[in-house]
Protein backbone atom coordinates (compact mmCIF):
# COMPACT_ATOMS: atom_id res chain seq x y z
CA UNK A 1 115.93 94.55 94.04
CA UNK A 2 114.69 94.35 90.48
CA UNK A 3 111.70 96.38 91.57
CA UNK A 4 113.96 99.29 92.48
CA UNK A 5 115.39 99.45 89.29
CA UNK A 6 118.69 100.40 88.32
CA UNK A 7 116.89 99.20 85.18
CA UNK A 8 114.96 102.46 85.38
CA UNK A 9 117.87 104.74 86.29
CA UNK A 10 116.58 108.19 87.13
CA UNK A 11 119.07 111.06 86.93
CA UNK A 12 118.78 114.21 88.97
CA UNK A 13 117.49 116.98 86.72
CA UNK A 14 120.00 119.69 85.88
CA UNK A 15 119.40 123.33 85.05
CA UNK A 16 120.58 124.70 81.73
CA UNK A 17 122.80 127.20 83.58
CA UNK A 18 122.94 126.54 87.35
CA UNK A 19 125.28 129.50 88.02
CA UNK A 20 122.76 131.96 86.58
CA UNK A 21 119.75 130.41 88.33
CA UNK A 22 119.38 132.16 91.68
CA UNK A 23 116.11 130.82 93.11
CA UNK A 24 114.61 127.42 92.50
CA UNK A 25 110.95 127.25 91.55
CA UNK A 26 108.23 124.76 90.73
CA UNK A 27 106.50 126.10 87.60
CA UNK A 28 106.33 123.63 84.72
CA UNK A 29 104.58 122.57 81.54
CA UNK A 30 103.10 119.12 81.54
CA UNK A 31 100.11 116.80 81.68
CA UNK A 32 97.47 116.60 84.37
CA UNK A 33 96.39 113.14 85.54
CA UNK A 34 94.13 114.51 88.30
CA UNK A 35 90.89 112.70 88.98
CA UNK A 36 88.22 113.06 91.64
CA UNK A 37 87.65 109.91 93.64
CA UNK A 38 85.44 108.82 96.52
CA UNK A 39 88.61 107.52 98.17
CA UNK A 40 90.36 110.89 97.98
CA UNK A 41 89.98 114.57 98.75
CA UNK A 42 86.55 116.03 97.87
CA UNK A 43 88.10 119.10 96.20
CA UNK A 44 90.04 117.07 93.64
CA UNK A 45 89.21 117.97 90.05
CA UNK A 46 88.88 115.51 87.21
CA UNK A 47 91.11 116.13 84.20
CA UNK A 48 91.17 112.56 82.92
CA UNK A 49 89.19 109.34 83.26
CA UNK A 50 91.42 107.12 81.10
CA UNK A 51 93.39 105.70 84.04
CA UNK A 52 92.18 105.10 87.59
CA UNK A 53 95.39 105.49 89.56
CA UNK A 54 93.73 104.07 92.67
CA UNK A 55 94.30 100.70 91.02
CA UNK A 56 98.04 100.98 91.72
CA UNK A 57 97.69 102.32 95.25
CA UNK A 58 97.70 100.63 98.65
CA UNK A 59 95.32 102.81 100.63
CA UNK A 60 94.71 99.98 103.13
CA UNK A 61 98.48 99.66 103.74
CA UNK A 62 98.46 95.96 103.01
CA UNK A 63 101.94 96.16 101.47
CA UNK A 64 103.29 99.46 102.78
CA UNK A 65 104.35 100.23 106.32
CA UNK A 66 105.00 103.98 106.04
CA UNK A 67 105.15 106.96 103.67
CA UNK A 68 105.96 110.63 104.05
CA UNK A 69 103.38 113.08 105.43
CA UNK A 70 101.72 113.58 102.04
CA UNK A 71 100.59 110.00 101.56
CA UNK A 72 99.05 109.24 98.18
CA UNK A 73 99.41 112.11 95.71
CA UNK A 74 97.20 110.63 92.98
CA UNK A 75 93.88 108.85 92.54
CA UNK A 76 92.01 111.65 94.27
CA UNK A 77 94.75 112.59 96.72
CA UNK A 78 94.45 112.27 100.50
CA UNK A 79 91.02 112.83 102.11
CA UNK A 80 92.39 113.75 105.55
CA UNK A 81 90.92 112.75 108.95
CA UNK A 82 89.00 110.72 109.83
CA UNK A 83 89.46 108.61 106.68
CA UNK A 84 93.19 109.29 106.45
CA UNK A 85 95.76 110.63 108.88
CA UNK A 86 98.11 111.97 106.24
CA UNK A 87 97.97 115.63 105.21
CA UNK A 88 94.67 116.34 103.49
CA UNK A 89 95.34 117.38 99.89
CA UNK A 90 93.62 117.30 96.52
CA UNK A 91 94.90 115.10 93.71
CA UNK A 92 98.01 116.67 92.12
CA UNK A 93 98.90 113.88 89.66
CA UNK A 94 100.96 115.20 86.76
CA UNK A 95 103.72 114.46 84.28
CA UNK A 96 106.35 117.17 83.83
CA UNK A 97 107.50 117.80 80.28
CA UNK A 98 109.61 120.91 80.90
CA UNK A 99 110.40 122.48 84.28
CA UNK A 100 110.32 126.26 84.05
CA UNK A 101 111.17 126.93 87.66
CA UNK A 102 110.58 130.64 88.08
CA UNK A 103 108.88 133.42 86.11
CA UNK A 104 111.45 135.97 87.30
CA UNK A 105 114.17 136.70 84.72
CA UNK A 106 116.52 138.03 87.40
CA UNK A 107 116.39 134.61 89.05
CA UNK A 108 117.18 132.85 85.78
CA UNK A 109 113.62 132.21 84.67
CA UNK A 110 111.30 133.30 81.89
CA UNK A 111 108.18 135.42 82.24
CA UNK A 112 104.77 133.84 82.13
CA UNK A 113 103.88 136.31 79.35
CA UNK A 114 106.71 134.91 77.19
CA UNK A 115 105.58 131.35 77.86
CA UNK A 116 102.00 132.20 76.89
CA UNK A 117 103.13 134.04 73.75
CA UNK A 118 105.15 131.07 72.52
CA UNK A 119 102.51 128.46 73.35
CA UNK A 120 99.68 130.49 71.80
CA UNK A 121 101.62 131.37 68.63
CA UNK A 122 101.45 127.89 67.14
CA UNK A 123 105.24 127.67 67.09
CA UNK A 124 105.07 124.61 69.34
CA UNK A 125 103.07 121.84 67.71
CA UNK A 126 100.79 120.20 70.28
CA UNK A 127 99.34 116.91 69.05
CA UNK A 128 96.31 115.10 70.40
CA UNK A 129 98.14 113.69 73.43
CA UNK A 130 97.46 110.00 73.97
CA UNK A 131 99.57 108.15 76.51
CA UNK A 132 100.03 104.72 78.05
CA UNK A 133 101.53 103.93 81.47
CA UNK A 134 104.47 101.59 80.88
CA UNK A 135 105.50 100.57 84.43
CA UNK A 136 105.29 101.33 88.14
CA UNK A 137 108.76 101.57 89.68
CA UNK A 138 110.60 102.61 92.83
CA UNK A 139 113.20 105.27 92.08
CA UNK A 140 116.72 105.70 93.44
CA UNK A 141 115.80 107.58 96.64
CA UNK A 142 116.13 105.91 100.04
CA UNK A 143 113.37 105.35 100.99
CA UNK A 144 112.23 105.43 97.37
CA UNK A 145 109.51 107.39 95.63
CA UNK A 146 106.99 105.31 93.73
CA UNK A 147 106.51 106.43 90.13
CA UNK A 148 104.27 105.52 87.26
CA UNK A 149 106.34 105.73 84.09
CA UNK A 150 105.39 106.88 80.58
CA UNK A 151 108.45 105.75 78.60
CA UNK A 152 108.64 106.13 74.84
CA UNK A 153 108.68 102.56 73.61
CA UNK A 154 110.09 101.83 70.14
CA UNK A 155 107.85 100.19 67.58
CA UNK A 156 109.88 98.92 64.65
CA UNK A 157 112.38 101.26 62.99
CA UNK A 158 110.40 104.27 64.13
CA UNK A 159 113.18 106.78 63.62
CA UNK A 160 113.91 106.19 59.96
CA UNK A 161 111.04 104.06 58.63
CA UNK A 162 108.00 106.23 58.10
CA UNK A 163 105.84 103.18 57.48
CA UNK A 164 106.51 101.90 61.01
CA UNK A 165 103.96 102.69 63.73
CA UNK A 166 104.79 105.68 65.89
CA UNK A 167 106.21 104.58 69.25
CA UNK A 168 104.07 104.54 72.37
CA UNK A 169 104.13 107.92 74.17
CA UNK A 170 105.80 109.63 71.20
CA UNK A 171 103.89 112.86 71.84
CA UNK A 172 105.75 113.51 75.11
CA UNK A 173 109.20 113.56 73.54
CA UNK A 174 107.81 115.39 70.51
CA UNK A 175 106.57 118.26 72.69
CA UNK A 176 109.57 118.15 75.04
CA UNK A 177 112.10 118.47 72.23
CA UNK A 178 110.27 121.37 70.61
CA UNK A 179 110.13 123.24 73.92
CA UNK A 180 113.82 122.65 74.59
CA UNK A 181 114.75 123.79 71.08
CA UNK A 182 112.58 126.89 71.26
CA UNK A 183 113.06 128.13 74.84
CA UNK A 184 116.42 128.75 76.51
CA UNK A 185 116.74 130.23 80.01
CA UNK A 186 118.91 129.47 83.03
CA UNK A 187 116.39 127.74 85.31
CA UNK A 188 115.01 125.44 82.60
CA UNK A 189 115.76 121.77 83.08
CA UNK A 190 114.66 118.34 82.04
CA UNK A 191 112.64 116.44 84.67
CA UNK A 192 114.19 113.13 83.61
CA UNK A 193 112.14 110.16 82.49
CA UNK A 194 108.48 111.05 81.97
CA UNK A 195 106.69 109.96 85.12
CA UNK A 196 104.15 110.83 87.78
CA UNK A 197 105.21 110.48 91.41
CA UNK A 198 102.46 108.67 93.29
CA UNK A 199 104.06 108.34 96.74
CA UNK A 200 107.21 109.47 98.57
CA UNK A 201 109.36 107.63 101.14
CA UNK A 202 107.76 104.26 100.55
CA UNK A 203 108.67 101.71 103.24
CA UNK A 204 107.33 98.21 102.66
CA UNK A 205 106.36 95.75 105.39
CA UNK A 206 108.85 93.20 104.03
CA UNK A 207 110.68 92.34 100.80
CA UNK A 208 107.91 89.86 100.09
CA UNK A 209 105.25 92.56 100.48
CA UNK A 210 107.26 94.79 98.14
CA UNK A 211 107.37 92.00 95.56
CA UNK A 212 103.62 91.44 95.86
CA UNK A 213 102.88 95.13 95.46
CA UNK A 214 104.80 95.43 92.20
CA UNK A 215 103.26 92.20 90.90
CA UNK A 216 99.85 93.75 91.55
CA UNK A 217 100.90 96.92 89.71
CA UNK A 218 102.21 94.82 86.83
CA UNK A 219 98.78 93.26 86.35
CA UNK A 220 97.12 96.69 86.33
CA UNK A 221 99.59 98.04 83.77
CA UNK A 222 99.04 94.92 81.66
CA UNK A 223 95.33 95.73 81.55
CA UNK A 224 96.03 99.33 80.54
CA UNK A 225 98.37 98.11 77.79
CA UNK A 226 95.61 95.93 76.36
CA UNK A 227 93.47 99.06 75.88
CA UNK A 228 96.34 100.98 74.28
CA UNK A 229 97.23 104.69 74.49
CA UNK A 230 94.41 106.94 75.67
CA UNK A 231 93.67 110.69 75.53
CA UNK A 232 93.79 112.33 78.96
CA UNK A 233 91.49 115.33 79.04
CA UNK A 234 87.95 114.84 80.28
CA UNK A 235 86.57 118.15 79.13
CA UNK A 236 86.73 121.13 76.82
CA UNK A 237 88.99 123.57 78.67
CA UNK A 238 89.36 127.32 78.44
CA UNK A 239 92.79 128.96 78.23
CA UNK A 240 92.68 129.73 81.96
CA UNK A 241 92.12 126.07 82.82
CA UNK A 242 88.39 126.38 83.54
CA UNK A 243 86.04 123.82 82.04
CA UNK A 244 83.78 124.98 79.21
CA UNK A 245 81.92 121.78 78.45
CA UNK A 246 82.25 118.18 77.46
CA UNK A 247 85.41 116.93 75.80
CA UNK A 248 85.69 117.47 72.07
CA UNK A 249 87.15 114.89 69.72
CA UNK A 250 90.64 116.35 70.12
CA UNK A 251 90.94 118.04 73.51
CA UNK A 252 93.89 116.25 75.11
CA UNK A 253 96.44 119.05 75.46
CA UNK A 254 99.13 120.68 77.57
CA UNK A 255 98.86 122.45 80.94
CA UNK A 256 100.87 125.23 82.60
CA UNK A 257 101.39 124.66 86.34
CA UNK A 258 102.46 127.42 88.72
CA UNK A 259 103.19 124.49 91.02
CA UNK A 260 101.74 120.99 91.28
CA UNK A 261 98.67 122.25 93.14
CA UNK A 262 97.90 125.24 90.91
CA UNK A 263 97.17 125.03 87.19
CA UNK A 264 96.84 128.39 85.45
CA UNK A 265 96.52 127.73 81.70
CA UNK A 266 95.55 125.11 79.15
CA UNK A 267 96.83 124.76 75.59
CA UNK A 268 94.66 122.62 73.31
CA UNK A 269 96.03 120.53 70.44
CA UNK A 270 96.97 122.53 67.34
CA UNK A 271 98.54 119.64 65.39
CA UNK A 272 95.61 117.31 64.87
CA UNK A 273 95.35 113.67 63.76
CA UNK A 274 95.51 111.70 61.62
CA UNK A 275 99.30 111.47 61.65
CA UNK A 276 99.69 109.18 58.66
CA UNK A 277 100.55 111.68 55.92
CA UNK A 278 104.19 111.91 54.77
CA UNK A 279 104.39 115.53 55.88
CA UNK A 280 103.11 114.90 59.42
CA UNK A 281 105.12 111.71 59.77
CA UNK A 282 108.21 113.61 58.73
CA UNK A 283 107.68 116.45 61.19
CA UNK A 284 107.03 114.03 64.07
CA UNK A 285 109.97 111.71 63.43
CA UNK A 286 112.38 114.59 62.88
CA UNK A 287 112.00 115.43 66.58
CA UNK A 288 111.90 111.93 68.05
CA UNK A 289 115.51 111.02 67.31
CA UNK A 290 116.89 113.81 69.51
CA UNK A 291 117.37 113.32 73.24
CA UNK A 292 118.58 115.92 75.73
CA UNK A 293 121.48 114.51 77.76
CA UNK A 294 121.33 116.10 81.21
CA UNK A 295 124.81 114.84 82.06
CA UNK A 296 126.61 116.41 79.08
CA UNK A 297 124.03 119.21 78.76
CA UNK A 298 123.71 118.76 75.02
CA UNK A 299 121.57 117.08 72.38
CA UNK A 300 122.31 113.53 71.31
CA UNK A 301 120.81 111.73 68.35
CA UNK A 302 120.03 108.07 67.83
CA UNK A 303 119.87 108.42 64.04
CA UNK A 304 122.31 106.43 61.89
CA UNK A 305 125.10 108.62 60.46
CA UNK A 306 123.73 108.37 56.94
CA UNK A 307 120.61 110.25 58.03
CA UNK A 308 120.92 113.98 58.52
CA UNK A 309 117.66 115.63 59.47
CA UNK A 310 119.03 119.12 58.88
CA UNK A 311 117.03 122.14 59.98
CA UNK A 312 113.41 121.47 60.79
CA UNK A 313 110.67 124.02 60.50
CA UNK A 314 108.27 123.05 63.29
CA UNK A 315 105.36 124.54 61.41
CA UNK A 316 105.75 121.67 58.95
CA UNK A 317 107.03 123.61 55.95
CA UNK A 318 110.28 121.67 55.63
CA UNK A 319 111.48 118.33 56.87
CA UNK A 320 114.70 117.26 55.20
CA UNK A 321 115.33 113.59 54.44
CA UNK A 322 112.19 112.35 56.19
CA UNK A 323 109.32 110.54 54.56
CA UNK A 324 110.07 111.93 51.14
CA UNK A 325 109.83 115.55 52.29
CA UNK A 326 112.28 118.19 51.13
């Protein structure tokens, strides 16, 4: 069906060097969409209030017939008996930007100390992260997983015209491409399209119920689109992920996950708005044209041949052929 979406083809992630990666792991860098909810597990933490993911759920099973044991992963998670008879679990909503896998070098990974050194050095530019859900889809699994997508949507000639608005969700590819350029280790891989899995093994009561569910989700996403991209963090966070106080003006940053249930570190924005100067526009757009192809395991560019970005200094010192920078 259209709702399943070969339109949203989702490739299996591939490691940079599968032969040298001995043990799979779950560590990753990404965004946290977690939010405490009266409908969910009481131990869920709130990392964002921009999007209530309960709005795209079917906790009353009006449309869905069955799921896997985990039930709803987002919107507060699963409360457990007697309100739910899925496995009780706190909200683990997240968007992976780069899967690390393991912190053991002998298994093909990279140490947590090396990750922290790179992220705290300022080498990776972390903007004020503002995102917008673009769709709710069923992926290619049978039964499918339900995903909320955060695709980078073009806005005008955003790759070569520095007067064009930056595309929706640009910050995700901007961070992703810097990480992939800077860090190389065997277990690293791309998690595919930016998304948050909200449910696994979704079985609908009928094709008509499936259609109705996605129509409902479409209306919710439409409402989010009307508000535009939003910052995610609902607090001022310490480096160890503990909350220090209320959110500052620019506190929507990046998180390090040991696994989806355990966040260990937070990295605040170090590349702050506004993003309308020629220098900042140049640095941003110089990374957006590159896309990591997991099939060919190499970088591909969508720039016209006459544009050659050349070497880019991610600290913003040089940005060749972009926005008048040299």
